[in-house]
Amino acid sequence: MTEDRQRYSDADLEEFRTLIQSKIDKAERDLMLIRESFINDQNNGTDDTSPTFKAFEEGAETLSKEQNAILAGRQEKFVRDLKNALIRIQNKTYGICRVTGKLIAKDRLKAVPHATLSIEAKNMQR
């Protein structure tokens, strides 16, 4: 049973490192796209349309920027959590539940590679 082991093997840690690095690369690309759309302040040509339509357009644009800012914040946290997981791999503490001290199931780490809690510890939080 894997929960009885103290830590994952170096081979397992390398497998997780590769998985996490690919997720970081994708997440950073996604974050760049979100930031670009947030910064993109191009005028959509509503200057010559009716004032009512322009107000709706500006309201939608503001809402979209707010949503992009929220998405960017979440994505930044995701990237930071993944990079912290890489540090735990270097320290050979990756995959150890910070509450129970047991190994987190490999399937959970593959699904949520930045997890720091086992399912057991997560359920105790509820």
C-alpha atoms as a PDB file:
ATOM      1  CA  MET A   1       0.000   0.000   0.000  1.00  0.00           C
ATOM      2  CA  THR A   2       1.516   3.358  -1.019  1.00  0.00           C
ATOM      3  CA  GLU A   3       0.260   5.229   2.072  1.00  0.00           C
ATOM      4  CA  ASP A   4       2.777   3.330   4.239  1.00  0.00           C
ATOM      5  CA  ARG A   5       5.763   4.683   2.264  1.00  0.00           C
ATOM      6  CA  GLN A   6       7.514   7.806   3.498  1.00  0.00           C
ATOM      7  CA  ARG A   7       7.836   9.486   0.078  1.00  0.00           C
ATOM      8  CA  TYR A   8       7.554   8.855  -3.642  1.00  0.00           C
ATOM      9  CA  SER A   9      10.545   7.367  -5.452  1.00  0.00           C
ATOM     10  CA  ASP A  10      12.834   9.550  -7.558  1.00  0.00           C
ATOM     11  CA  ALA A  11      11.321   7.992 -10.696  1.00  0.00           C
ATOM     12  CA  ASP A  12       7.815   8.882  -9.504  1.00  0.00           C
ATOM     13  CA  LEU A  13       8.936  12.414  -8.658  1.00  0.00           C
ATOM     14  CA  GLU A  14      10.441  12.817 -12.132  1.00  0.00           C
ATOM     15  CA  GLU A  15       7.173  11.657 -13.692  1.00  0.00           C
ATOM     16  CA  PHE A  16       5.277  14.236 -11.616  1.00  0.00           C
ATOM     17  CA  ARG A  17       7.864  16.931 -12.447  1.00  0.00           C
ATOM     18  CA  THR A  18       7.327  16.361 -16.163  1.00  0.00           C
ATOM     19  CA  LEU A  19       3.540  16.475 -15.750  1.00  0.00           C
ATOM     20  CA  ILE A  20       3.680  19.640 -13.665  1.00  0.00           C
ATOM     21  CA  GLN A  21       6.109  21.397 -16.013  1.00  0.00           C
ATOM     22  CA  SER A  22       3.822  20.750 -18.979  1.00  0.00           C
ATOM     23  CA  LYS A  23       0.877  22.133 -16.981  1.00  0.00           C
ATOM     24  CA  ILE A  24       2.911  25.220 -16.043  1.00  0.00           C
ATOM     25  CA  ASP A  25       3.821  25.824 -19.694  1.00  0.00           C
ATOM     26  CA  LYS A  26       0.169  25.593 -20.758  1.00  0.00           C
ATOM     27  CA  ALA A  27      -1.079  27.674 -17.821  1.00  0.00           C
ATOM     28  CA  GLU A  28       1.454  30.426 -18.548  1.00  0.00           C
ATOM     29  CA  ARG A  29       0.404  30.511 -22.213  1.00  0.00           C
ATOM     30  CA  ASP A  30      -3.243  30.744 -21.127  1.00  0.00           C
ATOM     31  CA  LEU A  31      -2.393  33.515 -18.652  1.00  0.00           C
ATOM     32  CA  MET A  32      -0.620  35.459 -21.387  1.00  0.00           C
ATOM     33  CA  LEU A  33      -3.732  35.220 -23.583  1.00  0.00           C
ATOM     34  CA  ILE A  34      -5.961  36.390 -20.731  1.00  0.00           C
ATOM     35  CA  ARG A  35      -3.651  39.321 -20.021  1.00  0.00           C
ATOM     36  CA  GLU A  36      -3.528  40.262 -23.698  1.00  0.00           C
ATOM     37  CA  SER A  37      -7.308  40.316 -23.948  1.00  0.00           C
ATOM     38  CA  PHE A  38      -7.481  42.297 -20.695  1.00  0.00           C
ATOM     39  CA  ILE A  39      -4.965  44.861 -21.910  1.00  0.00           C
ATOM     40  CA  ASN A  40      -6.426  44.979 -25.417  1.00  0.00           C
ATOM     41  CA  ASP A  41      -8.210  48.291 -25.403  1.00  0.00           C
ATOM     42  CA  GLN A  42      -9.110  48.555 -29.051  1.00  0.00           C
ATOM     43  CA  ASN A  43     -12.125  50.628 -29.937  1.00  0.00           C
ATOM     44  CA  ASN A  44     -14.812  48.489 -31.565  1.00  0.00           C
ATOM     45  CA  GLY A  45     -16.075  51.364 -33.662  1.00  0.00           C
ATOM     46  CA  THR A  46     -19.017  52.404 -31.485  1.00  0.00           C
ATOM     47  CA  ASP A  47     -18.154  56.112 -31.699  1.00  0.00           C
ATOM     48  CA  ASP A  48     -20.628  56.708 -34.513  1.00  0.00           C
ATOM     49  CA  THR A  49     -23.463  54.523 -33.194  1.00  0.00           C
ATOM     50  CA  SER A  50     -26.383  55.565 -31.048  1.00  0.00           C
ATOM     51  CA  PRO A  51     -25.613  56.622 -27.453  1.00  0.00           C
ATOM     52  CA  THR A  52     -27.777  53.798 -26.043  1.00  0.00           C
ATOM     53  CA  PHE A  53     -25.880  51.107 -27.927  1.00  0.00           C
ATOM     54  CA  LYS A  54     -22.575  52.682 -26.905  1.00  0.00           C
ATOM     55  CA  ALA A  55     -23.587  52.541 -23.206  1.00  0.00           C
ATOM     56  CA  PHE A  56     -24.455  48.856 -23.522  1.00  0.00           C
ATOM     57  CA  GLU A  57     -21.185  48.215 -25.322  1.00  0.00           C
ATOM     58  CA  GLU A  58     -19.151  50.009 -22.651  1.00  0.00           C
ATOM     59  CA  GLY A  59     -20.968  48.121 -19.879  1.00  0.00           C
ATOM     60  CA  ALA A  60     -20.268  44.789 -21.529  1.00  0.00           C
ATOM     61  CA  GLU A  61     -16.643  45.789 -22.048  1.00  0.00           C
ATOM     62  CA  THR A  62     -16.262  46.676 -18.353  1.00  0.00           C
ATOM     63  CA  LEU A  63     -17.837  43.370 -17.306  1.00  0.00           C
ATOM     64  CA  SER A  64     -15.550  41.479 -19.674  1.00  0.00           C
ATOM     65  CA  LYS A  65     -12.476  43.218 -18.254  1.00  0.00           C
ATOM     66  CA  GLU A  66     -13.574  42.382 -14.706  1.00  0.00           C
ATOM     67  CA  GLN A  67     -14.084  38.737 -15.657  1.00  0.00           C
ATOM     68  CA  ASN A  68     -10.668  38.643 -17.335  1.00  0.00           C
ATOM     69  CA  ALA A  69      -9.062  40.155 -14.229  1.00  0.00           C
ATOM     70  CA  ILE A  70     -10.669  37.443 -12.073  1.00  0.00           C
ATOM     71  CA  LEU A  71      -9.561  34.742 -14.525  1.00  0.00           C
ATOM     72  CA  ALA A  72      -6.031  36.153 -14.584  1.00  0.00           C
ATOM     73  CA  GLY A  73      -5.879  36.114 -10.788  1.00  0.00           C
ATOM     74  CA  ARG A  74      -6.997  32.500 -10.640  1.00  0.00           C
ATOM     75  CA  GLN A  75      -4.547  31.509 -13.349  1.00  0.00           C
ATOM     76  CA  GLU A  76      -1.678  33.267 -11.555  1.00  0.00           C
ATOM     77  CA  LYS A  77      -2.532  31.357  -8.355  1.00  0.00           C
ATOM     78  CA  PHE A  78      -2.652  28.081 -10.318  1.00  0.00           C
ATOM     79  CA  VAL A  79       0.805  28.738 -11.815  1.00  0.00           C
ATOM     80  CA  ARG A  80       2.185  29.683  -8.383  1.00  0.00           C
ATOM     81  CA  ASP A  81       0.733  26.494  -6.831  1.00  0.00           C
ATOM     82  CA  LEU A  82       2.281  24.388  -9.609  1.00  0.00           C
ATOM     83  CA  LYS A  83       5.672  26.050  -9.147  1.00  0.00           C
ATOM     84  CA  ASN A  84       5.443  25.386  -5.403  1.00  0.00           C
ATOM     85  CA  ALA A  85       4.806  21.729  -6.262  1.00  0.00           C
ATOM     86  CA  LEU A  86       8.070  21.710  -8.250  1.00  0.00           C
ATOM     87  CA  ILE A  87       9.871  23.018  -5.167  1.00  0.00           C
ATOM     88  CA  ARG A  88       8.358  20.193  -3.111  1.00  0.00           C
ATOM     89  CA  ILE A  89       9.621  17.739  -5.748  1.00  0.00           C
ATOM     90  CA  GLN A  90      13.145  19.170  -5.400  1.00  0.00           C
ATOM     91  CA  ASN A  91      12.856  18.849  -1.622  1.00  0.00           C
ATOM     92  CA  LYS A  92      11.470  15.309  -2.042  1.00  0.00           C
ATOM     93  CA  THR A  93       8.423  16.227   0.032  1.00  0.00           C
ATOM     94  CA  TYR A  94       6.027  16.201  -2.914  1.00  0.00           C
ATOM     95  CA  GLY A  95       2.910  14.088  -2.492  1.00  0.00           C
ATOM     96  CA  ILE A  96       2.988  14.050   1.298  1.00  0.00           C
ATOM     97  CA  CYS A  97      -0.253  15.278   2.883  1.00  0.00           C
ATOM     98  CA  ARG A  98       0.452  18.328   5.038  1.00  0.00           C
ATOM     99  CA  VAL A  99      -2.226  17.247   7.552  1.00  0.00           C
ATOM    100  CA  THR A 100      -1.914  13.474   7.853  1.00  0.00           C
ATOM    101  CA  GLY A 101       1.715  13.038   6.771  1.00  0.00           C
ATOM    102  CA  LYS A 102       0.653  10.131   4.540  1.00  0.00           C
ATOM    103  CA  LEU A 103       1.283   9.890   0.824  1.00  0.00           C
ATOM    104  CA  ILE A 104      -1.398  11.419  -1.341  1.00  0.00           C
ATOM    105  CA  ALA A 105      -2.802   8.878  -3.803  1.00  0.00           C
ATOM    106  CA  LYS A 106      -1.028   8.912  -7.166  1.00  0.00           C
ATOM    107  CA  ASP A 107      -4.360   9.200  -9.026  1.00  0.00           C
ATOM    108  CA  ARG A 108      -5.205  12.340  -7.047  1.00  0.00           C
ATOM    109  CA  LEU A 109      -1.814  13.886  -7.815  1.00  0.00           C
ATOM    110  CA  LYS A 110      -2.226  13.147 -11.514  1.00  0.00           C
ATOM    111  CA  ALA A 111      -5.616  14.884 -11.472  1.00  0.00           C
ATOM    112  CA  VAL A 112      -4.570  17.731  -9.152  1.00  0.00           C
ATOM    113  CA  PRO A 113      -0.756  17.851  -9.276  1.00  0.00           C
ATOM    114  CA  HIS A 114      -0.536  20.816  -6.902  1.00  0.00           C
ATOM    115  CA  ALA A 115      -2.557  19.052  -4.170  1.00  0.00           C
ATOM    116  CA  THR A 116      -1.133  19.246  -0.661  1.00  0.00           C
ATOM    117  CA  LEU A 117      -3.952  17.350   1.043  1.00  0.00           C
ATOM    118  CA  SER A 118      -5.046  13.745   0.762  1.00  0.00           C
ATOM    119  CA  ILE A 119      -8.730  13.022   0.157  1.00  0.00           C
ATOM    120  CA  GLU A 120      -8.953  12.005   3.820  1.00  0.00           C
ATOM    121  CA  ALA A 121      -7.627  15.404   4.988  1.00  0.00           C
ATOM    122  CA  LYS A 122      -9.761  17.262   2.460  1.00  0.00           C
ATOM    123  CA  ASN A 123     -12.886  15.515   3.759  1.00  0.00           C
ATOM    124  CA  MET A 124     -11.949  16.474   7.343  1.00  0.00           C
ATOM    125  CA  GLN A 125     -12.129  20.149   6.316  1.00  0.00           C
ATOM    126  CA  ARG A 126     -15.826  19.928   5.479  1.00  0.00           C
END
